[in-house]
């Protein structure tokens, strides 16, 4: 992997974990759960080997 790809993966990782740590105890639970589900799917896709 080249430096740019590595940098992009690191940036994506930080955003994924930032979103995954979000609490879904607010009024917009459905939106929060949708974001967390998408985050989990993207994490699986990009980390699955």
PDB file of N, CA and C in Angstrom:
ATOM      1  N   UNK A   1       0.843  -1.174   0.000  1.00  0.00           N
ATOM      2  CA  UNK A   1       0.000   0.000   0.000  1.00  0.00           C
ATOM      3  C   UNK A   1       0.894   1.244   0.000  1.00  0.00           C
ATOM      4  N   UNK A   2       0.539   2.210  -0.792  1.00  0.00           N
ATOM      5  CA  UNK A   2       1.336   3.435  -0.824  1.00  0.00           C
ATOM      6  C   UNK A   2       0.930   4.371   0.318  1.00  0.00           C
ATOM      7  N   UNK A   3       1.657   5.455   0.450  1.00  0.00           N
ATOM      8  CA  UNK A   3       1.429   6.387   1.568  1.00  0.00           C
ATOM      9  C   UNK A   3       0.043   7.017   1.541  1.00  0.00           C
ATOM     10  N   UNK A   4      -0.435   7.352   0.340  1.00  0.00           N
ATOM     11  CA  UNK A   4      -1.756   7.979   0.235  1.00  0.00           C
ATOM     12  C   UNK A   4      -2.844   7.007   0.678  1.00  0.00           C
ATOM     13  N   UNK A   5      -2.763   5.773   0.232  1.00  0.00           N
ATOM     14  CA  UNK A   5      -3.749   4.769   0.634  1.00  0.00           C
ATOM     15  C   UNK A   5      -3.731   4.558   2.139  1.00  0.00           C
ATOM     16  N   UNK A   6      -2.548   4.509   2.703  1.00  0.00           N
ATOM     17  CA  UNK A   6      -2.416   4.333   4.146  1.00  0.00           C
ATOM     18  C   UNK A   6      -3.035   5.508   4.887  1.00  0.00           C
ATOM     19  N   UNK A   7      -2.769   6.714   4.430  1.00  0.00           N
ATOM     20  CA  UNK A   7      -3.331   7.909   5.051  1.00  0.00           C
ATOM     21  C   UNK A   7      -4.857   7.909   4.962  1.00  0.00           C
ATOM     22  N   UNK A   8      -5.398   7.560   3.804  1.00  0.00           N
ATOM     23  CA  UNK A   8      -6.849   7.521   3.639  1.00  0.00           C
ATOM     24  C   UNK A   8      -7.483   6.483   4.554  1.00  0.00           C
ATOM     25  N   UNK A   9      -6.850   5.324   4.686  1.00  0.00           N
ATOM     26  CA  UNK A   9      -7.370   4.289   5.580  1.00  0.00           C
ATOM     27  C   UNK A   9      -7.351   4.765   7.032  1.00  0.00           C
ATOM     28  N   UNK A  10      -6.288   5.452   7.429  1.00  0.00           N
ATOM     29  CA  UNK A  10      -6.203   5.967   8.798  1.00  0.00           C
ATOM     30  C   UNK A  10      -7.283   7.012   9.063  1.00  0.00           C
ATOM     31  N   UNK A  11      -7.534   7.878   8.080  1.00  0.00           N
ATOM     32  CA  UNK A  11      -8.573   8.897   8.227  1.00  0.00           C
ATOM     33  C   UNK A  11      -9.947   8.237   8.341  1.00  0.00           C
ATOM     34  N   UNK A  12     -10.198   7.242   7.500  1.00  0.00           N
ATOM     35  CA  UNK A  12     -11.467   6.541   7.531  1.00  0.00           C
ATOM     36  C   UNK A  12     -11.642   5.819   8.868  1.00  0.00           C
ATOM     37  N   UNK A  13     -10.586   5.180   9.352  1.00  0.00           N
ATOM     38  CA  UNK A  13     -10.642   4.492  10.642  1.00  0.00           C
ATOM     39  C   UNK A  13     -11.043   5.444  11.758  1.00  0.00           C
ATOM     40  N   UNK A  14     -10.447   6.629  11.782  1.00  0.00           N
ATOM     41  CA  UNK A  14     -10.754   7.572  12.858  1.00  0.00           C
ATOM     42  C   UNK A  14     -12.213   8.017  12.792  1.00  0.00           C
ATOM     43  N   UNK A  15     -12.739   8.228  11.601  1.00  0.00           N
ATOM     44  CA  UNK A  15     -14.144   8.622  11.452  1.00  0.00           C
ATOM     45  C   UNK A  15     -15.080   7.484  11.833  1.00  0.00           C
ATOM     46  N   UNK A  16     -14.727   6.241  11.450  1.00  0.00           N
ATOM     47  CA  UNK A  16     -15.566   5.095  11.787  1.00  0.00           C
ATOM     48  C   UNK A  16     -15.657   4.906  13.291  1.00  0.00           C
ATOM     49  N   UNK A  17     -14.527   5.000  13.979  1.00  0.00           N
ATOM     50  CA  UNK A  17     -14.540   4.795  15.419  1.00  0.00           C
ATOM     51  C   UNK A  17     -15.193   5.963  16.142  1.00  0.00           C
ATOM     52  N   UNK A  18     -15.096   7.144  15.572  1.00  0.00           N
ATOM     53  CA  UNK A  18     -15.775   8.306  16.156  1.00  0.00           C
ATOM     54  C   UNK A  18     -17.287   8.100  16.094  1.00  0.00           C
ATOM     55  N   UNK A  19     -17.776   7.632  14.950  1.00  0.00           N
ATOM     56  CA  UNK A  19     -19.210   7.386  14.788  1.00  0.00           C
ATOM     57  C   UNK A  19     -19.666   6.196  15.621  1.00  0.00           C
ATOM     58  N   UNK A  20     -18.839   5.174  15.730  1.00  0.00           N
ATOM     59  CA  UNK A  20     -19.205   3.972  16.482  1.00  0.00           C
ATOM     60  C   UNK A  20     -19.343   4.262  17.967  1.00  0.00           C
ATOM     61  N   UNK A  21     -18.624   5.245  18.465  1.00  0.00           N
ATOM     62  CA  UNK A  21     -18.668   5.563  19.881  1.00  0.00           C
ATOM     63  C   UNK A  21     -19.853   6.423  20.280  1.00  0.00           C
ATOM     64  N   UNK A  22     -20.633   6.839  19.302  1.00  0.00           N
ATOM     65  CA  UNK A  22     -21.774   7.712  19.555  1.00  0.00           C
ATOM     66  C   UNK A  22     -22.874   6.968  20.313  1.00  0.00           C
ATOM     67  N   UNK A  23     -23.452   7.630  21.271  1.00  0.00           N
ATOM     68  CA  UNK A  23     -24.548   7.047  22.037  1.00  0.00           C
ATOM     69  C   UNK A  23     -25.867   7.238  21.287  1.00  0.00           C
ATOM     70  N   UNK A  24     -26.728   6.256  21.347  1.00  0.00           N
ATOM     71  CA  UNK A  24     -28.019   6.333  20.649  1.00  0.00           C
ATOM     72  C   UNK A  24     -29.168   6.547  21.636  1.00  0.00           C
ATOM     73  N   UNK A  25     -28.945   7.346  22.639  1.00  0.00           N
ATOM     74  CA  UNK A  25     -29.962   7.577  23.661  1.00  0.00           C
ATOM     75  C   UNK A  25     -30.701   8.897  23.460  1.00  0.00           C
ATOM     76  N   UNK A  26     -30.571   9.496  22.303  1.00  0.00           N
ATOM     77  CA  UNK A  26     -31.214  10.781  22.024  1.00  0.00           C
ATOM     78  C   UNK A  26     -32.574  10.553  21.368  1.00  0.00           C
ATOM     79  N   UNK A  27     -33.217  11.635  20.953  1.00  0.00           N
ATOM     80  CA  UNK A  27     -34.514  11.547  20.288  1.00  0.00           C
ATOM     81  C   UNK A  27     -34.422  10.941  18.895  1.00  0.00           C
ATOM     82  N   UNK A  28     -33.273  11.063  18.242  1.00  0.00           N
ATOM     83  CA  UNK A  28     -33.122  10.576  16.866  1.00  0.00           C
ATOM     84  C   UNK A  28     -32.489   9.176  16.846  1.00  0.00           C
ATOM     85  N   UNK A  29     -33.018   8.267  17.668  1.00  0.00           N
ATOM     86  CA  UNK A  29     -32.452   6.923  17.784  1.00  0.00           C
ATOM     87  C   UNK A  29     -32.375   6.196  16.444  1.00  0.00           C
ATOM     88  N   UNK A  30     -33.388   6.346  15.595  1.00  0.00           N
ATOM     89  CA  UNK A  30     -33.392   5.640  14.315  1.00  0.00           C
ATOM     90  C   UNK A  30     -32.219   6.081  13.444  1.00  0.00           C
ATOM     91  N   UNK A  31     -31.970   7.386  13.367  1.00  0.00           N
ATOM     92  CA  UNK A  31     -30.835   7.887  12.586  1.00  0.00           C
ATOM     93  C   UNK A  31     -29.517   7.406  13.173  1.00  0.00           C
ATOM     94  N   UNK A  32     -29.417   7.425  14.479  1.00  0.00           N
ATOM     95  CA  UNK A  32     -28.197   6.988  15.154  1.00  0.00           C
ATOM     96  C   UNK A  32     -27.940   5.511  14.876  1.00  0.00           C
ATOM     97  N   UNK A  33     -28.972   4.693  15.003  1.00  0.00           N
ATOM     98  CA  UNK A  33     -28.813   3.263  14.749  1.00  0.00           C
ATOM     99  C   UNK A  33     -28.455   2.991  13.293  1.00  0.00           C
ATOM    100  N   UNK A  34     -29.008   3.777  12.378  1.00  0.00           N
ATOM    101  CA  UNK A  34     -28.668   3.634  10.966  1.00  0.00           C
ATOM    102  C   UNK A  34     -27.194   3.944  10.743  1.00  0.00           C
ATOM    103  N   UNK A  35     -26.702   5.026  11.352  1.00  0.00           N
ATOM    104  CA  UNK A  35     -25.282   5.380  11.218  1.00  0.00           C
ATOM    105  C   UNK A  35     -24.381   4.303  11.810  1.00  0.00           C
ATOM    106  N   UNK A  36     -24.751   3.787  12.963  1.00  0.00           N
ATOM    107  CA  UNK A  36     -23.931   2.749  13.607  1.00  0.00           C
ATOM    108  C   UNK A  36     -23.923   1.461  12.787  1.00  0.00           C
ATOM    109  N   UNK A  37     -25.065   1.118  12.184  1.00  0.00           N
ATOM    110  CA  UNK A  37     -25.127  -0.075  11.337  1.00  0.00           C
ATOM    111  C   UNK A  37     -24.253   0.104  10.110  1.00  0.00           C
ATOM    112  N   UNK A  38     -24.343   1.266   9.482  1.00  0.00           N
ATOM    113  CA  UNK A  38     -23.502   1.555   8.320  1.00  0.00           C
ATOM    114  C   UNK A  38     -22.029   1.513   8.704  1.00  0.00           C
ATOM    115  N   UNK A  39     -21.700   2.071   9.842  1.00  0.00           N
ATOM    116  CA  UNK A  39     -20.324   2.053  10.334  1.00  0.00           C
ATOM    117  C   UNK A  39     -19.833   0.624  10.505  1.00  0.00           C
ATOM    118  N   UNK A  40     -20.655  -0.208  11.100  1.00  0.00           N
ATOM    119  CA  UNK A  40     -20.265  -1.605  11.317  1.00  0.00           C
ATOM    120  C   UNK A  40     -20.065  -2.328   9.993  1.00  0.00           C
ATOM    121  N   UNK A  41     -20.945  -2.080   9.029  1.00  0.00           N
ATOM    122  CA  UNK A  41     -20.802  -2.718   7.720  1.00  0.00           C
ATOM    123  C   UNK A  41     -19.532  -2.261   7.011  1.00  0.00           C
ATOM    124  N   UNK A  42     -19.263  -0.968   7.027  1.00  0.00           N
ATOM    125  CA  UNK A  42     -18.050  -0.459   6.382  1.00  0.00           C
ATOM    126  C   UNK A  42     -16.800  -1.001   7.056  1.00  0.00           C
ATOM    127  N   UNK A  43     -16.833  -1.081   8.363  1.00  0.00           N
ATOM    128  CA  UNK A  43     -15.701  -1.625   9.101  1.00  0.00           C
ATOM    129  C   UNK A  43     -15.456  -3.071   8.683  1.00  0.00           C
ATOM    130  N   UNK A  44     -16.521  -3.842   8.557  1.00  0.00           N
ATOM    131  CA  UNK A  44     -16.387  -5.242   8.144  1.00  0.00           C
ATOM    132  C   UNK A  44     -15.838  -5.341   6.721  1.00  0.00           C
ATOM    133  N   UNK A  45     -16.376  -4.531   5.814  1.00  0.00           N
ATOM    134  CA  UNK A  45     -15.954  -4.577   4.412  1.00  0.00           C
ATOM    135  C   UNK A  45     -14.478  -4.246   4.270  1.00  0.00           C
ATOM    136  N   UNK A  46     -14.026  -3.184   4.918  1.00  0.00           N
ATOM    137  CA  UNK A  46     -12.650  -2.734   4.730  1.00  0.00           C
ATOM    138  C   UNK A  46     -11.636  -3.491   5.569  1.00  0.00           C
ATOM    139  N   UNK A  47     -12.080  -4.198   6.579  1.00  0.00           N
ATOM    140  CA  UNK A  47     -11.142  -4.940   7.427  1.00  0.00           C
ATOM    141  C   UNK A  47     -11.171  -6.439   7.178  1.00  0.00           C
ATOM    142  N   UNK A  48     -12.181  -6.914   6.454  1.00  0.00           N
ATOM    143  CA  UNK A  48     -12.309  -8.352   6.201  1.00  0.00           C
ATOM    144  C   UNK A  48     -11.215  -8.817   5.253  1.00  0.00           C
ATOM    145  N   UNK A  49     -10.515  -9.826   5.668  1.00  0.00           N
ATOM    146  CA  UNK A  49      -9.437 -10.353   4.821  1.00  0.00           C
ATOM    147  C   UNK A  49      -9.651 -11.811   4.563  1.00  0.00           C
TER     148      UNK A  49
END
